Amino acid sequence: MEIKLGSISDIDGWMDLVEKVKEDFPGLKTAEALNEHRNTVLEFINKESAICAKICNKIVGTLLFSKENHMLCFLAVDIAYRRQHIAEKMVSYMLTFM
């Protein structure tokens, strides 16, 4: 597994994961909300505040954080990859930027 800062090239895989878990997030149920989230993710990527977990080049975890406010903003792990400490590893990586 690779934990890394997200890049523009990760956006499609990132949104594939968000599409899978959108039912767990009340604000992501509509196409408009998903498009808005995509734009938000791109903003966080540009600020180097987006982290993704990859297994075999597939995004299985995503995390957005605010350096300015020292807070985690969004965290999701693919249901098929849960209970493997992916979220814990992404949070630990995030803390290196705080």
Protein backbone atom coordinates (compact mmCIF):
# COMPACT_ATOMS: atom_id res chain seq x y z
CA MET A 1 0.00 0.00 0.00
CA GLU A 2 1.17 3.50 -0.82
CA ILE A 3 0.09 6.57 1.18
CA LYS A 4 0.83 9.80 -0.66
CA LEU A 5 -0.30 13.32 -1.40
CA GLY A 6 -2.98 13.32 -4.05
CA SER A 7 -2.26 14.73 -7.48
CA ILE A 8 -4.41 15.96 -10.34
CA SER A 9 -3.91 12.60 -12.07
CA ASP A 10 -5.62 10.90 -9.10
CA ILE A 11 -8.94 12.76 -9.43
CA ASP A 12 -10.82 10.15 -11.46
CA GLY A 13 -9.83 7.29 -9.14
CA TRP A 14 -10.57 9.53 -6.15
CA MET A 15 -14.07 10.25 -7.42
CA ASP A 16 -14.63 6.56 -8.21
CA LEU A 17 -14.11 5.87 -4.50
CA VAL A 18 -16.33 8.78 -3.47
CA GLU A 19 -19.05 7.40 -5.75
CA LYS A 20 -18.84 4.06 -3.89
CA VAL A 21 -19.15 5.61 -0.41
CA LYS A 22 -21.43 8.57 -1.16
CA GLU A 23 -24.37 7.03 0.72
CA ASP A 24 -22.36 7.40 3.94
CA PHE A 25 -22.13 11.18 3.42
CA PRO A 26 -25.41 13.13 3.44
CA GLY A 27 -23.94 15.99 1.40
CA LEU A 28 -22.87 13.81 -1.54
CA LYS A 29 -26.13 12.33 -2.76
CA THR A 30 -26.73 14.46 -5.88
CA ALA A 31 -24.76 14.85 -9.10
CA GLU A 32 -24.37 18.56 -8.32
CA ALA A 33 -22.97 17.78 -4.87
CA LEU A 34 -20.52 15.26 -6.33
CA ASN A 35 -19.33 17.81 -8.89
CA GLU A 36 -18.88 20.37 -6.13
CA HIS A 37 -16.91 17.82 -4.10
CA ARG A 38 -14.71 17.11 -7.13
CA ASN A 39 -13.88 20.84 -7.35
CA THR A 40 -13.17 20.92 -3.61
CA VAL A 41 -10.83 17.93 -3.92
CA LEU A 42 -8.96 19.67 -6.74
CA GLU A 43 -8.54 22.76 -4.54
CA PHE A 44 -7.17 20.63 -1.70
CA ILE A 45 -4.83 18.82 -4.12
CA ASN A 46 -3.46 22.18 -5.27
CA LYS A 47 -2.85 23.15 -1.61
CA GLU A 48 -1.13 19.79 -0.94
CA SER A 49 -3.86 18.97 1.56
CA ALA A 50 -5.22 15.80 -0.04
CA ILE A 51 -3.95 12.30 0.80
CA CYS A 52 -4.81 9.05 -0.89
CA ALA A 53 -4.06 5.40 -0.17
CA LYS A 54 -3.37 3.19 -3.17
CA ILE A 55 -3.18 -0.56 -3.54
CA CYS A 56 -2.05 -1.81 -6.97
CA ASN A 57 -2.54 1.75 -8.28
CA LYS A 58 -6.22 1.77 -7.18
CA ILE A 59 -7.34 4.47 -4.74
CA VAL A 60 -8.81 2.74 -1.68
CA GLY A 61 -8.69 5.63 0.79
CA THR A 62 -8.99 9.40 0.65
CA LEU A 63 -8.44 12.19 3.15
CA LEU A 64 -8.73 15.97 2.95
CA PHE A 65 -7.27 18.20 5.65
CA SER A 66 -6.79 21.85 6.48
CA LYS A 67 -3.29 22.94 7.43
CA GLU A 68 -4.56 26.37 8.43
CA ASN A 69 -7.24 25.05 10.80
CA HIS A 70 -5.35 21.91 11.82
CA MET A 71 -8.30 19.66 11.10
CA LEU A 72 -9.38 16.65 9.13
CA CYS A 73 -12.10 17.59 6.63
CA PHE A 74 -12.98 14.35 4.83
CA LEU A 75 -12.00 10.70 5.26
CA ALA A 76 -13.23 7.66 3.35
CA VAL A 77 -12.02 4.09 2.84
CA ASP A 78 -13.41 1.65 0.29
CA ILE A 79 -15.63 -0.84 2.13
CA ALA A 80 -13.70 -3.75 0.62
CA TYR A 81 -10.49 -2.47 2.24
CA ARG A 82 -11.72 -1.49 5.69
CA ARG A 83 -10.25 -2.89 8.90
CA GLN A 84 -6.75 -2.79 7.41
CA HIS A 85 -5.63 0.38 9.26
CA ILE A 86 -5.73 2.45 6.07
CA ALA A 87 -7.47 5.38 7.76
CA GLU A 88 -4.99 5.26 10.64
CA LYS A 89 -2.05 5.36 8.22
CA MET A 90 -3.53 8.28 6.28
CA VAL A 91 -4.14 10.25 9.51
CA SER A 92 -0.57 9.55 10.68
CA TYR A 93 0.73 10.82 7.34
CA MET A 94 -1.50 13.89 7.58
CA LEU A 95 -0.02 14.73 10.98
CA THR A 96 3.43 15.10 9.41
CA PHE A 97 2.07 18.19 7.61
CA MET A 98 0.64 19.84 10.72
